[in-house]
Amino acid sequence: IRDERIFLLDDIHIGIAVSLEEGVAVPVLAGADRLALVDLS
């Protein structure tokens, strides 16, 4: 949502919450739908 409008995204990027000593990071796995499970891992 931006400026009260909904934008559908073409790419499927998924964030993965990662616990760190000082907090939480969320690296993003790009194109997760296009990756074979082993490559995604």
PDB file of all heavy atoms in Angstrom:
ATOM      1  N   ILE A   1       0.854  -1.186   0.000  1.00  0.00           N
ATOM      2  CA  ILE A   1       0.000   0.000   0.000  1.00  0.00           C
ATOM      3  C   ILE A   1       0.887   1.232   0.000  1.00  0.00           C
ATOM      4  O   ILE A   1       1.807   1.345   0.825  1.00  0.00           O
ATOM      5  CB  ILE A   1      -0.932   0.018   1.223  1.00  0.00           C
ATOM      6  CG1 ILE A   1      -1.939  -1.133   1.136  1.00  0.00           C
ATOM      7  CG2 ILE A   1      -1.658   1.354   1.322  1.00  0.00           C
ATOM      8  CD1 ILE A   1      -2.887  -1.186   2.297  1.00  0.00           C
ATOM      9  N   ARG A   2       0.638   2.133  -0.937  1.00  0.00           N
ATOM     10  CA  ARG A   2       1.357   3.399  -0.995  1.00  0.00           C
ATOM     11  C   ARG A   2       0.391   4.481  -1.432  1.00  0.00           C
ATOM     12  O   ARG A   2      -0.328   4.316  -2.417  1.00  0.00           O
ATOM     13  CB  ARG A   2       2.543   3.301  -1.972  1.00  0.00           C
ATOM     14  CG  ARG A   2       3.418   4.555  -1.956  1.00  0.00           C
ATOM     15  CD  ARG A   2       4.714   4.373  -2.734  1.00  0.00           C
ATOM     16  NE  ARG A   2       4.488   4.270  -4.156  1.00  0.00           N
ATOM     17  CZ  ARG A   2       4.723   3.196  -4.886  1.00  0.00           C
ATOM     18  NH1 ARG A   2       5.173   2.090  -4.290  1.00  0.00           N
ATOM     19  NH2 ARG A   2       4.509   3.182  -6.179  1.00  0.00           N
ATOM     20  N   ASP A   3       0.378   5.569  -0.683  1.00  0.00           N
ATOM     21  CA  ASP A   3      -0.518   6.688  -0.993  1.00  0.00           C
ATOM     22  C   ASP A   3      -1.968   6.224  -1.109  1.00  0.00           C
ATOM     23  O   ASP A   3      -2.688   6.618  -2.019  1.00  0.00           O
ATOM     24  CB  ASP A   3      -0.084   7.384  -2.286  1.00  0.00           C
ATOM     25  CG  ASP A   3       1.294   8.006  -2.165  1.00  0.00           C
ATOM     26  OD1 ASP A   3       1.650   8.391  -1.038  1.00  0.00           O
ATOM     27  OD2 ASP A   3       1.992   8.096  -3.188  1.00  0.00           O
ATOM     28  N   GLU A   4      -2.364   5.330  -0.190  1.00  0.00           N
ATOM     29  CA  GLU A   4      -3.736   4.829  -0.098  1.00  0.00           C
ATOM     30  C   GLU A   4      -4.163   4.051  -1.341  1.00  0.00           C
ATOM     31  O   GLU A   4      -5.352   3.905  -1.612  1.00  0.00           O
ATOM     32  CB  GLU A   4      -4.712   5.990   0.169  1.00  0.00           C
ATOM     33  CG  GLU A   4      -4.413   6.723   1.471  1.00  0.00           C
ATOM     34  CD  GLU A   4      -5.400   7.835   1.752  1.00  0.00           C
ATOM     35  OE1 GLU A   4      -6.281   8.067   0.896  1.00  0.00           O
ATOM     36  OE2 GLU A   4      -5.292   8.466   2.814  1.00  0.00           O
ATOM     37  N   ARG A   5      -3.183   3.548  -2.088  1.00  0.00           N
ATOM     38  CA  ARG A   5      -3.477   2.690  -3.236  1.00  0.00           C
ATOM     39  C   ARG A   5      -2.760   1.356  -3.064  1.00  0.00           C
ATOM     40  O   ARG A   5      -1.686   1.281  -2.470  1.00  0.00           O
ATOM     41  CB  ARG A   5      -3.043   3.348  -4.550  1.00  0.00           C
ATOM     42  CG  ARG A   5      -3.886   4.557  -4.941  1.00  0.00           C
ATOM     43  CD  ARG A   5      -3.621   4.949  -6.394  1.00  0.00           C
ATOM     44  NE  ARG A   5      -2.238   5.376  -6.582  1.00  0.00           N
ATOM     45  CZ  ARG A   5      -1.674   5.557  -7.773  1.00  0.00           C
ATOM     46  NH1 ARG A   5      -2.386   5.304  -8.877  1.00  0.00           N
ATOM     47  NH2 ARG A   5      -0.427   5.971  -7.871  1.00  0.00           N
ATOM     48  N   ILE A   6      -3.388   0.303  -3.612  1.00  0.00           N
ATOM     49  CA  ILE A   6      -2.812  -1.037  -3.524  1.00  0.00           C
ATOM     50  C   ILE A   6      -2.031  -1.315  -4.802  1.00  0.00           C
ATOM     51  O   ILE A   6      -2.539  -1.133  -5.901  1.00  0.00           O
ATOM     52  CB  ILE A   6      -3.914  -2.103  -3.327  1.00  0.00           C
ATOM     53  CG1 ILE A   6      -4.664  -1.850  -2.014  1.00  0.00           C
ATOM     54  CG2 ILE A   6      -3.315  -3.505  -3.339  1.00  0.00           C
ATOM     55  CD1 ILE A   6      -5.868  -2.746  -1.821  1.00  0.00           C
ATOM     56  N   PHE A   7      -0.789  -1.782  -4.645  1.00  0.00           N
ATOM     57  CA  PHE A   7       0.057  -2.122  -5.785  1.00  0.00           C
ATOM     58  C   PHE A   7       0.353  -3.615  -5.739  1.00  0.00           C
ATOM     59  O   PHE A   7       0.958  -4.107  -4.779  1.00  0.00           O
ATOM     60  CB  PHE A   7       1.363  -1.327  -5.751  1.00  0.00           C
ATOM     61  CG  PHE A   7       1.193   0.146  -5.987  1.00  0.00           C
ATOM     62  CD1 PHE A   7       0.825   0.995  -4.953  1.00  0.00           C
ATOM     63  CD2 PHE A   7       1.385   0.683  -7.248  1.00  0.00           C
ATOM     64  CE1 PHE A   7       0.654   2.349  -5.157  1.00  0.00           C
ATOM     65  CE2 PHE A   7       1.222   2.048  -7.467  1.00  0.00           C
ATOM     66  CZ  PHE A   7       0.858   2.873  -6.429  1.00  0.00           C
ATOM     67  N   LEU A   8      -0.083  -4.342  -6.768  1.00  0.00           N
ATOM     68  CA  LEU A   8       0.232  -5.762  -6.876  1.00  0.00           C
ATOM     69  C   LEU A   8       1.652  -5.907  -7.426  1.00  0.00           C
ATOM     70  O   LEU A   8       2.019  -5.256  -8.401  1.00  0.00           O
ATOM     71  CB  LEU A   8      -0.772  -6.472  -7.790  1.00  0.00           C
ATOM     72  CG  LEU A   8      -2.242  -6.378  -7.372  1.00  0.00           C
ATOM     73  CD1 LEU A   8      -3.116  -7.198  -8.319  1.00  0.00           C
ATOM     74  CD2 LEU A   8      -2.433  -6.867  -5.942  1.00  0.00           C
ATOM     75  N   LEU A   9       2.437  -6.785  -6.820  1.00  0.00           N
ATOM     76  CA  LEU A   9       3.832  -6.945  -7.190  1.00  0.00           C
ATOM     77  C   LEU A   9       4.005  -8.119  -8.152  1.00  0.00           C
ATOM     78  O   LEU A   9       3.364  -9.159  -8.003  1.00  0.00           O
ATOM     79  CB  LEU A   9       4.687  -7.163  -5.940  1.00  0.00           C
ATOM     80  CG  LEU A   9       4.545  -6.079  -4.866  1.00  0.00           C
ATOM     81  CD1 LEU A   9       5.448  -6.391  -3.688  1.00  0.00           C
ATOM     82  CD2 LEU A   9       4.862  -4.706  -5.426  1.00  0.00           C
ATOM     83  N   ASP A  10       4.895  -7.938  -9.126  1.00  0.00           N
ATOM     84  CA  ASP A  10       5.145  -8.995 -10.109  1.00  0.00           C
ATOM     85  C   ASP A  10       6.048 -10.086  -9.547  1.00  0.00           C
ATOM     86  O   ASP A  10       5.845 -11.272  -9.814  1.00  0.00           O
ATOM     87  CB  ASP A  10       5.782  -8.404 -11.370  1.00  0.00           C
ATOM     88  CG  ASP A  10       4.853  -7.432 -12.080  1.00  0.00           C
ATOM     89  OD1 ASP A  10       3.632  -7.681 -12.060  1.00  0.00           O
ATOM     90  OD2 ASP A  10       5.344  -6.442 -12.636  1.00  0.00           O
ATOM     91  N   ASP A  11       7.069  -9.697  -8.778  1.00  0.00           N
ATOM     92  CA  ASP A  11       8.036 -10.661  -8.244  1.00  0.00           C
ATOM     93  C   ASP A  11       7.615 -11.116  -6.855  1.00  0.00           C
ATOM     94  O   ASP A  11       7.018 -10.357  -6.088  1.00  0.00           O
ATOM     95  CB  ASP A  11       9.428 -10.040  -8.174  1.00  0.00           C
ATOM     96  CG  ASP A  11       9.970  -9.696  -9.549  1.00  0.00           C
ATOM     97  OD1 ASP A  11       9.829 -10.533 -10.464  1.00  0.00           O
ATOM     98  OD2 ASP A  11      10.522  -8.593  -9.709  1.00  0.00           O
ATOM     99  N   ILE A  12       7.944 -12.355  -6.558  1.00  0.00           N
ATOM    100  CA  ILE A  12       7.615 -12.923  -5.249  1.00  0.00           C
ATOM    101  C   ILE A  12       8.901 -13.007  -4.434  1.00  0.00           C
ATOM    102  O   ILE A  12       9.706 -13.922  -4.592  1.00  0.00           O
ATOM    103  CB  ILE A  12       6.942 -14.302  -5.386  1.00  0.00           C
ATOM    104  CG1 ILE A  12       5.597 -14.153  -6.106  1.00  0.00           C
ATOM    105  CG2 ILE A  12       6.750 -14.939  -4.013  1.00  0.00           C
ATOM    106  CD1 ILE A  12       4.881 -15.454  -6.357  1.00  0.00           C
ATOM    107  N   HIS A  13       9.114 -11.984  -3.605  1.00  0.00           N
ATOM    108  CA  HIS A  13      10.259 -11.921  -2.704  1.00  0.00           C
ATOM    109  C   HIS A  13       9.739 -12.124  -1.279  1.00  0.00           C
ATOM    110  O   HIS A  13       8.764 -11.483  -0.878  1.00  0.00           O
ATOM    111  CB  HIS A  13      10.968 -10.578  -2.796  1.00  0.00           C
ATOM    112  CG  HIS A  13      11.452 -10.234  -4.177  1.00  0.00           C
ATOM    113  ND1 HIS A  13      11.799 -11.193  -5.108  1.00  0.00           N
ATOM    114  CD2 HIS A  13      11.652  -9.025  -4.771  1.00  0.00           C
ATOM    115  CE1 HIS A  13      12.202 -10.591  -6.218  1.00  0.00           C
ATOM    116  NE2 HIS A  13      12.106  -9.282  -6.050  1.00  0.00           N
ATOM    117  N   ILE A  14      10.399 -12.993  -0.517  1.00  0.00           N
ATOM    118  CA  ILE A  14       9.927 -13.320   0.827  1.00  0.00           C
ATOM    119  C   ILE A  14      11.013 -13.028   1.848  1.00  0.00           C
ATOM    120  O   ILE A  14      12.155 -13.478   1.717  1.00  0.00           O
ATOM    121  CB  ILE A  14       9.495 -14.797   0.919  1.00  0.00           C
ATOM    122  CG1 ILE A  14       8.302 -15.046  -0.013  1.00  0.00           C
ATOM    123  CG2 ILE A  14       9.135 -15.182   2.357  1.00  0.00           C
ATOM    124  CD1 ILE A  14       7.772 -16.455   0.028  1.00  0.00           C
ATOM    125  N   GLY A  15      10.646 -12.250   2.881  1.00  0.00           N
ATOM    126  CA  GLY A  15      11.566 -11.978   3.977  1.00  0.00           C
ATOM    127  C   GLY A  15      11.590 -13.141   4.956  1.00  0.00           C
ATOM    128  O   GLY A  15      10.586 -13.821   5.179  1.00  0.00           O
ATOM    129  N   ILE A  16      12.755 -13.379   5.536  1.00  0.00           N
ATOM    130  CA  ILE A  16      12.923 -14.442   6.533  1.00  0.00           C
ATOM    131  C   ILE A  16      13.446 -13.797   7.812  1.00  0.00           C
ATOM    132  O   ILE A  16      14.564 -13.266   7.826  1.00  0.00           O
ATOM    133  CB  ILE A  16      13.904 -15.528   6.047  1.00  0.00           C
ATOM    134  CG1 ILE A  16      13.428 -16.128   4.715  1.00  0.00           C
ATOM    135  CG2 ILE A  16      14.058 -16.616   7.103  1.00  0.00           C
ATOM    136  CD1 ILE A  16      14.422 -17.089   4.090  1.00  0.00           C
ATOM    137  N   ALA A  17      12.660 -13.814   8.870  1.00  0.00           N
ATOM    138  CA  ALA A  17      13.076 -13.199  10.129  1.00  0.00           C
ATOM    139  C   ALA A  17      14.215 -14.014  10.741  1.00  0.00           C
ATOM    140  O   ALA A  17      14.115 -15.235  10.893  1.00  0.00           O
ATOM    141  CB  ALA A  17      11.898 -13.129  11.096  1.00  0.00           C
ATOM    142  N   VAL A  18      15.311 -13.328  11.080  1.00  0.00           N
ATOM    143  CA  VAL A  18      16.506 -13.968  11.627  1.00  0.00           C
ATOM    144  C   VAL A  18      16.822 -13.336  12.978  1.00  0.00           C
ATOM    145  O   VAL A  18      16.978 -12.111  13.077  1.00  0.00           O
ATOM    146  CB  VAL A  18      17.713 -13.810  10.677  1.00  0.00           C
ATOM    147  CG1 VAL A  18      18.955 -14.447  11.280  1.00  0.00           C
ATOM    148  CG2 VAL A  18      17.412 -14.421   9.320  1.00  0.00           C
ATOM    149  N   SER A  19      16.908 -14.158  14.005  1.00  0.00           N
ATOM    150  CA  SER A  19      17.203 -13.661  15.345  1.00  0.00           C
ATOM    151  C   SER A  19      18.696 -13.360  15.470  1.00  0.00           C
ATOM    152  O   SER A  19      19.540 -14.181  15.148  1.00  0.00           O
ATOM    153  CB  SER A  19      16.793 -14.698  16.395  1.00  0.00           C
ATOM    154  OG  SER A  19      17.157 -14.271  17.690  1.00  0.00           O
ATOM    155  N   LEU A  20      19.003 -12.148  15.946  1.00  0.00           N
ATOM    156  CA  LEU A  20      20.374 -11.737  16.207  1.00  0.00           C
ATOM    157  C   LEU A  20      20.499 -11.336  17.671  1.00  0.00           C
ATOM    158  O   LEU A  20      19.501 -11.086  18.345  1.00  0.00           O
ATOM    159  CB  LEU A  20      20.761 -10.546  15.323  1.00  0.00           C
ATOM    160  CG  LEU A  20      20.560 -10.698  13.813  1.00  0.00           C
ATOM    161  CD1 LEU A  20      20.926  -9.401  13.108  1.00  0.00           C
ATOM    162  CD2 LEU A  20      21.404 -11.849  13.267  1.00  0.00           C
ATOM    163  N   GLU A  21      21.721 -11.241  18.148  1.00  0.00           N
ATOM    164  CA  GLU A  21      21.929 -10.879  19.550  1.00  0.00           C
ATOM    165  C   GLU A  21      21.376  -9.498  19.850  1.00  0.00           C
ATOM    166  O   GLU A  21      20.820  -9.248  20.926  1.00  0.00           O
ATOM    167  CB  GLU A  21      23.424 -10.928  19.868  1.00  0.00           C
ATOM    168  CG  GLU A  21      23.741 -10.685  21.332  1.00  0.00           C
ATOM    169  CD  GLU A  21      25.207 -10.873  21.639  1.00  0.00           C
ATOM    170  OE1 GLU A  21      25.893 -11.556  20.865  1.00  0.00           O
ATOM    171  OE2 GLU A  21      25.675 -10.320  22.661  1.00  0.00           O
ATOM    172  N   GLU A  22      21.493  -8.567  18.859  1.00  0.00           N
ATOM    173  CA  GLU A  22      21.052  -7.203  19.090  1.00  0.00           C
ATOM    174  C   GLU A  22      19.643  -6.932  18.571  1.00  0.00           C
ATOM    175  O   GLU A  22      19.163  -5.806  18.667  1.00  0.00           O
ATOM    176  CB  GLU A  22      22.022  -6.214  18.441  1.00  0.00           C
ATOM    177  CG  GLU A  22      22.109  -6.328  16.931  1.00  0.00           C
ATOM    178  CD  GLU A  22      23.125  -7.363  16.455  1.00  0.00           C
ATOM    179  OE1 GLU A  22      23.371  -8.339  17.201  1.00  0.00           O
ATOM    180  OE2 GLU A  22      23.668  -7.190  15.356  1.00  0.00           O
ATOM    181  N   GLY A  23      18.963  -7.925  18.033  1.00  0.00           N
ATOM    182  CA  GLY A  23      17.613  -7.703  17.521  1.00  0.00           C
ATOM    183  C   GLY A  23      17.218  -8.744  16.490  1.00  0.00           C
ATOM    184  O   GLY A  23      17.512  -9.931  16.636  1.00  0.00           O
ATOM    185  N   VAL A  24      16.529  -8.284  15.452  1.00  0.00           N
ATOM    186  CA  VAL A  24      16.042  -9.162  14.391  1.00  0.00           C
ATOM    187  C   VAL A  24      16.367  -8.538  13.045  1.00  0.00           C
ATOM    188  O   VAL A  24      16.134  -7.343  12.842  1.00  0.00           O
ATOM    189  CB  VAL A  24      14.513  -9.390  14.500  1.00  0.00           C
ATOM    190  CG1 VAL A  24      14.029 -10.283  13.369  1.00  0.00           C
ATOM    191  CG2 VAL A  24      14.162 -10.008  15.846  1.00  0.00           C
ATOM    192  N   ALA A  25      16.902  -9.339  12.132  1.00  0.00           N
ATOM    193  CA  ALA A  25      17.117  -8.912  10.750  1.00  0.00           C
ATOM    194  C   ALA A  25      16.147  -9.677   9.860  1.00  0.00           C
ATOM    195  O   ALA A  25      15.706 -10.780  10.201  1.00  0.00           O
ATOM    196  CB  ALA A  25      18.554  -9.174  10.313  1.00  0.00           C
ATOM    197  N   VAL A  26      15.813  -9.093   8.714  1.00  0.00           N
ATOM    198  CA  VAL A  26      14.890  -9.749   7.788  1.00  0.00           C
ATOM    199  C   VAL A  26      15.499  -9.710   6.383  1.00  0.00           C
ATOM    200  O   VAL A  26      15.134  -8.866   5.562  1.00  0.00           O
ATOM    201  CB  VAL A  26      13.495  -9.083   7.793  1.00  0.00           C
ATOM    202  CG1 VAL A  26      12.519  -9.883   6.934  1.00  0.00           C
ATOM    203  CG2 VAL A  26      12.953  -8.971   9.215  1.00  0.00           C
ATOM    204  N   PRO A  27      16.450 -10.616   6.091  1.00  0.00           N
ATOM    205  CA  PRO A  27      16.958 -10.701   4.714  1.00  0.00           C
ATOM    206  C   PRO A  27      15.853 -11.191   3.787  1.00  0.00           C
ATOM    207  O   PRO A  27      14.941 -11.910   4.219  1.00  0.00           O
ATOM    208  CB  PRO A  27      18.095 -11.713   4.813  1.00  0.00           C
ATOM    209  CG  PRO A  27      17.746 -12.551   6.002  1.00  0.00           C
ATOM    210  CD  PRO A  27      17.054 -11.628   6.968  1.00  0.00           C
ATOM    211  N   VAL A  28      15.946 -10.813   2.523  1.00  0.00           N
ATOM    212  CA  VAL A  28      14.874 -11.109   1.569  1.00  0.00           C
ATOM    213  C   VAL A  28      15.361 -12.120   0.538  1.00  0.00           C
ATOM    214  O   VAL A  28      16.390 -11.915  -0.119  1.00  0.00           O
ATOM    215  CB  VAL A  28      14.397  -9.830   0.870  1.00  0.00           C
ATOM    216  CG1 VAL A  28      13.356 -10.144  -0.195  1.00  0.00           C
ATOM    217  CG2 VAL A  28      13.815  -8.857   1.905  1.00  0.00           C
ATOM    218  N   LEU A  29      14.610 -13.214   0.401  1.00  0.00           N
ATOM    219  CA  LEU A  29      14.890 -14.245  -0.594  1.00  0.00           C
ATOM    220  C   LEU A  29      14.151 -13.871  -1.875  1.00  0.00           C
ATOM    221  O   LEU A  29      12.926 -13.895  -1.929  1.00  0.00           O
ATOM    222  CB  LEU A  29      14.429 -15.608  -0.082  1.00  0.00           C
ATOM    223  CG  LEU A  29      14.739 -16.803  -0.970  1.00  0.00           C
ATOM    224  CD1 LEU A  29      16.242 -17.047  -1.050  1.00  0.00           C
ATOM    225  CD2 LEU A  29      14.043 -18.058  -0.441  1.00  0.00           C
ATOM    226  N   ALA A  30      14.895 -13.507  -2.897  1.00  0.00           N
ATOM    227  CA  ALA A  30      14.301 -13.025  -4.143  1.00  0.00           C
ATOM    228  C   ALA A  30      13.839 -14.187  -5.021  1.00  0.00           C
ATOM    229  O   ALA A  30      14.484 -15.236  -5.088  1.00  0.00           O
ATOM    230  CB  ALA A  30      15.315 -12.176  -4.917  1.00  0.00           C
ATOM    231  N   GLY A  31      12.697 -13.988  -5.689  1.00  0.00           N
ATOM    232  CA  GLY A  31      12.187 -14.981  -6.641  1.00  0.00           C
ATOM    233  C   GLY A  31      11.993 -16.350  -6.035  1.00  0.00           C
ATOM    234  O   GLY A  31      12.326 -17.370  -6.655  1.00  0.00           O
ATOM    235  N   ALA A  32      11.420 -16.408  -4.833  1.00  0.00           N
ATOM    236  CA  ALA A  32      11.302 -17.682  -4.116  1.00  0.00           C
ATOM    237  C   ALA A  32      10.443 -18.696  -4.868  1.00  0.00           C
ATOM    238  O   ALA A  32      10.661 -19.906  -4.752  1.00  0.00           O
ATOM    239  CB  ALA A  32      10.719 -17.444  -2.722  1.00  0.00           C
ATOM    240  N   ASP A  33       9.484 -18.233  -5.647  1.00  0.00           N
ATOM    241  CA  ASP A  33       8.612 -19.157  -6.379  1.00  0.00           C
ATOM    242  C   ASP A  33       9.334 -19.848  -7.525  1.00  0.00           C
ATOM    243  O   ASP A  33       8.929 -20.927  -7.966  1.00  0.00           O
ATOM    244  CB  ASP A  33       7.387 -18.414  -6.921  1.00  0.00           C
ATOM    245  CG  ASP A  33       7.782 -17.285  -7.866  1.00  0.00           C
ATOM    246  OD1 ASP A  33       8.721 -16.528  -7.517  1.00  0.00           O
ATOM    247  OD2 ASP A  33       7.171 -17.163  -8.936  1.00  0.00           O
ATOM    248  N   ARG A  34      10.437 -19.242  -8.007  1.00  0.00           N
ATOM    249  CA  ARG A  34      11.152 -19.788  -9.163  1.00  0.00           C
ATOM    250  C   ARG A  34      12.279 -20.738  -8.767  1.00  0.00           C
ATOM    251  O   ARG A  34      12.892 -21.361  -9.632  1.00  0.00           O
ATOM    252  CB  ARG A  34      11.720 -18.647 -10.009  1.00  0.00           C
ATOM    253  CG  ARG A  34      10.672 -17.665 -10.520  1.00  0.00           C
ATOM    254  CD  ARG A  34      11.258 -16.711 -11.546  1.00  0.00           C
ATOM    255  NE  ARG A  34      12.336 -15.916 -10.994  1.00  0.00           N
ATOM    256  CZ  ARG A  34      12.180 -14.726 -10.427  1.00  0.00           C
ATOM    257  NH1 ARG A  34      10.954 -14.213 -10.322  1.00  0.00           N
ATOM    258  NH2 ARG A  34      13.206 -14.041  -9.962  1.00  0.00           N
ATOM    259  N   LEU A  35      12.564 -20.830  -7.475  1.00  0.00           N
ATOM    260  CA  LEU A  35      13.675 -21.653  -7.018  1.00  0.00           C
ATOM    261  C   LEU A  35      13.219 -23.063  -6.678  1.00  0.00           C
ATOM    262  O   LEU A  35      12.182 -23.259  -6.041  1.00  0.00           O
ATOM    263  CB  LEU A  35      14.309 -21.022  -5.773  1.00  0.00           C
ATOM    264  CG  LEU A  35      14.990 -19.664  -5.948  1.00  0.00           C
ATOM    265  CD1 LEU A  35      15.384 -19.106  -4.590  1.00  0.00           C
ATOM    266  CD2 LEU A  35      16.210 -19.795  -6.843  1.00  0.00           C
ATOM    267  N   ALA A  36      14.004 -24.046  -7.113  1.00  0.00           N
ATOM    268  CA  ALA A  36      13.776 -25.414  -6.641  1.00  0.00           C
ATOM    269  C   ALA A  36      14.033 -25.448  -5.140  1.00  0.00           C
ATOM    270  O   ALA A  36      14.819 -24.643  -4.608  1.00  0.00           O
ATOM    271  CB  ALA A  36      14.707 -26.379  -7.366  1.00  0.00           C
ATOM    272  N   LEU A  37      13.401 -26.359  -4.442  1.00  0.00           N
ATOM    273  CA  LEU A  37      13.473 -26.381  -2.981  1.00  0.00           C
ATOM    274  C   LEU A  37      14.915 -26.471  -2.491  1.00  0.00           C
ATOM    275  O   LEU A  37      15.299 -25.773  -1.539  1.00  0.00           O
ATOM    276  CB  LEU A  37      12.645 -27.550  -2.433  1.00  0.00           C
ATOM    277  CG  LEU A  37      12.597 -27.685  -0.912  1.00  0.00           C
ATOM    278  CD1 LEU A  37      12.077 -26.415  -0.258  1.00  0.00           C
ATOM    279  CD2 LEU A  37      11.736 -28.878  -0.506  1.00  0.00           C
ATOM    280  N   VAL A  38      15.731 -27.305  -3.119  1.00  0.00           N
ATOM    281  CA  VAL A  38      17.121 -27.453  -2.689  1.00  0.00           C
ATOM    282  C   VAL A  38      17.885 -26.145  -2.898  1.00  0.00           C
ATOM    283  O   VAL A  38      18.654 -25.708  -2.029  1.00  0.00           O
ATOM    284  CB  VAL A  38      17.796 -28.610  -3.451  1.00  0.00           C
ATOM    285  CG1 VAL A  38      19.297 -28.635  -3.175  1.00  0.00           C
ATOM    286  CG2 VAL A  38      17.179 -29.950  -3.041  1.00  0.00           C
ATOM    287  N   ASP A  39      17.674 -25.479  -4.033  1.00  0.00           N
ATOM    288  CA  ASP A  39      18.340 -24.201  -4.287  1.00  0.00           C
ATOM    289  C   ASP A  39      17.834 -23.122  -3.333  1.00  0.00           C
ATOM    290  O   ASP A  39      18.609 -22.279  -2.852  1.00  0.00           O
ATOM    291  CB  ASP A  39      18.099 -23.761  -5.730  1.00  0.00           C
ATOM    292  CG  ASP A  39      18.757 -24.693  -6.729  1.00  0.00           C
ATOM    293  OD1 ASP A  39      19.801 -25.286  -6.383  1.00  0.00           O
ATOM    294  OD2 ASP A  39      18.210 -24.852  -7.834  1.00  0.00           O
ATOM    295  N   LEU A  40      16.539 -23.125  -3.065  1.00  0.00           N
ATOM    296  CA  LEU A  40      15.968 -22.178  -2.105  1.00  0.00           C
ATOM    297  C   LEU A  40      16.633 -22.346  -0.742  1.00  0.00           C
ATOM    298  O   LEU A  40      16.973 -21.355  -0.085  1.00  0.00           O
ATOM    299  CB  LEU A  40      14.459 -22.389  -2.003  1.00  0.00           C
ATOM    300  CG  LEU A  40      13.660 -21.440  -1.095  1.00  0.00           C
ATOM    301  CD1 LEU A  40      12.238 -21.289  -1.628  1.00  0.00           C
ATOM    302  CD2 LEU A  40      13.604 -21.952   0.341  1.00  0.00           C
ATOM    303  N   SER A  41      16.836 -23.598  -0.328  1.00  0.00           N
ATOM    304  CA  SER A  41      17.459 -23.869   0.969  1.00  0.00           C
ATOM    305  C   SER A  41      18.879 -23.327   1.021  1.00  0.00           C
ATOM    306  O   SER A  41      19.283 -22.695   2.011  1.00  0.00           O
ATOM    307  CB  SER A  41      17.458 -25.379   1.225  1.00  0.00           C
ATOM    308  OG  SER A  41      18.088 -25.679   2.453  1.00  0.00           O
TER     309      SER A  41
END
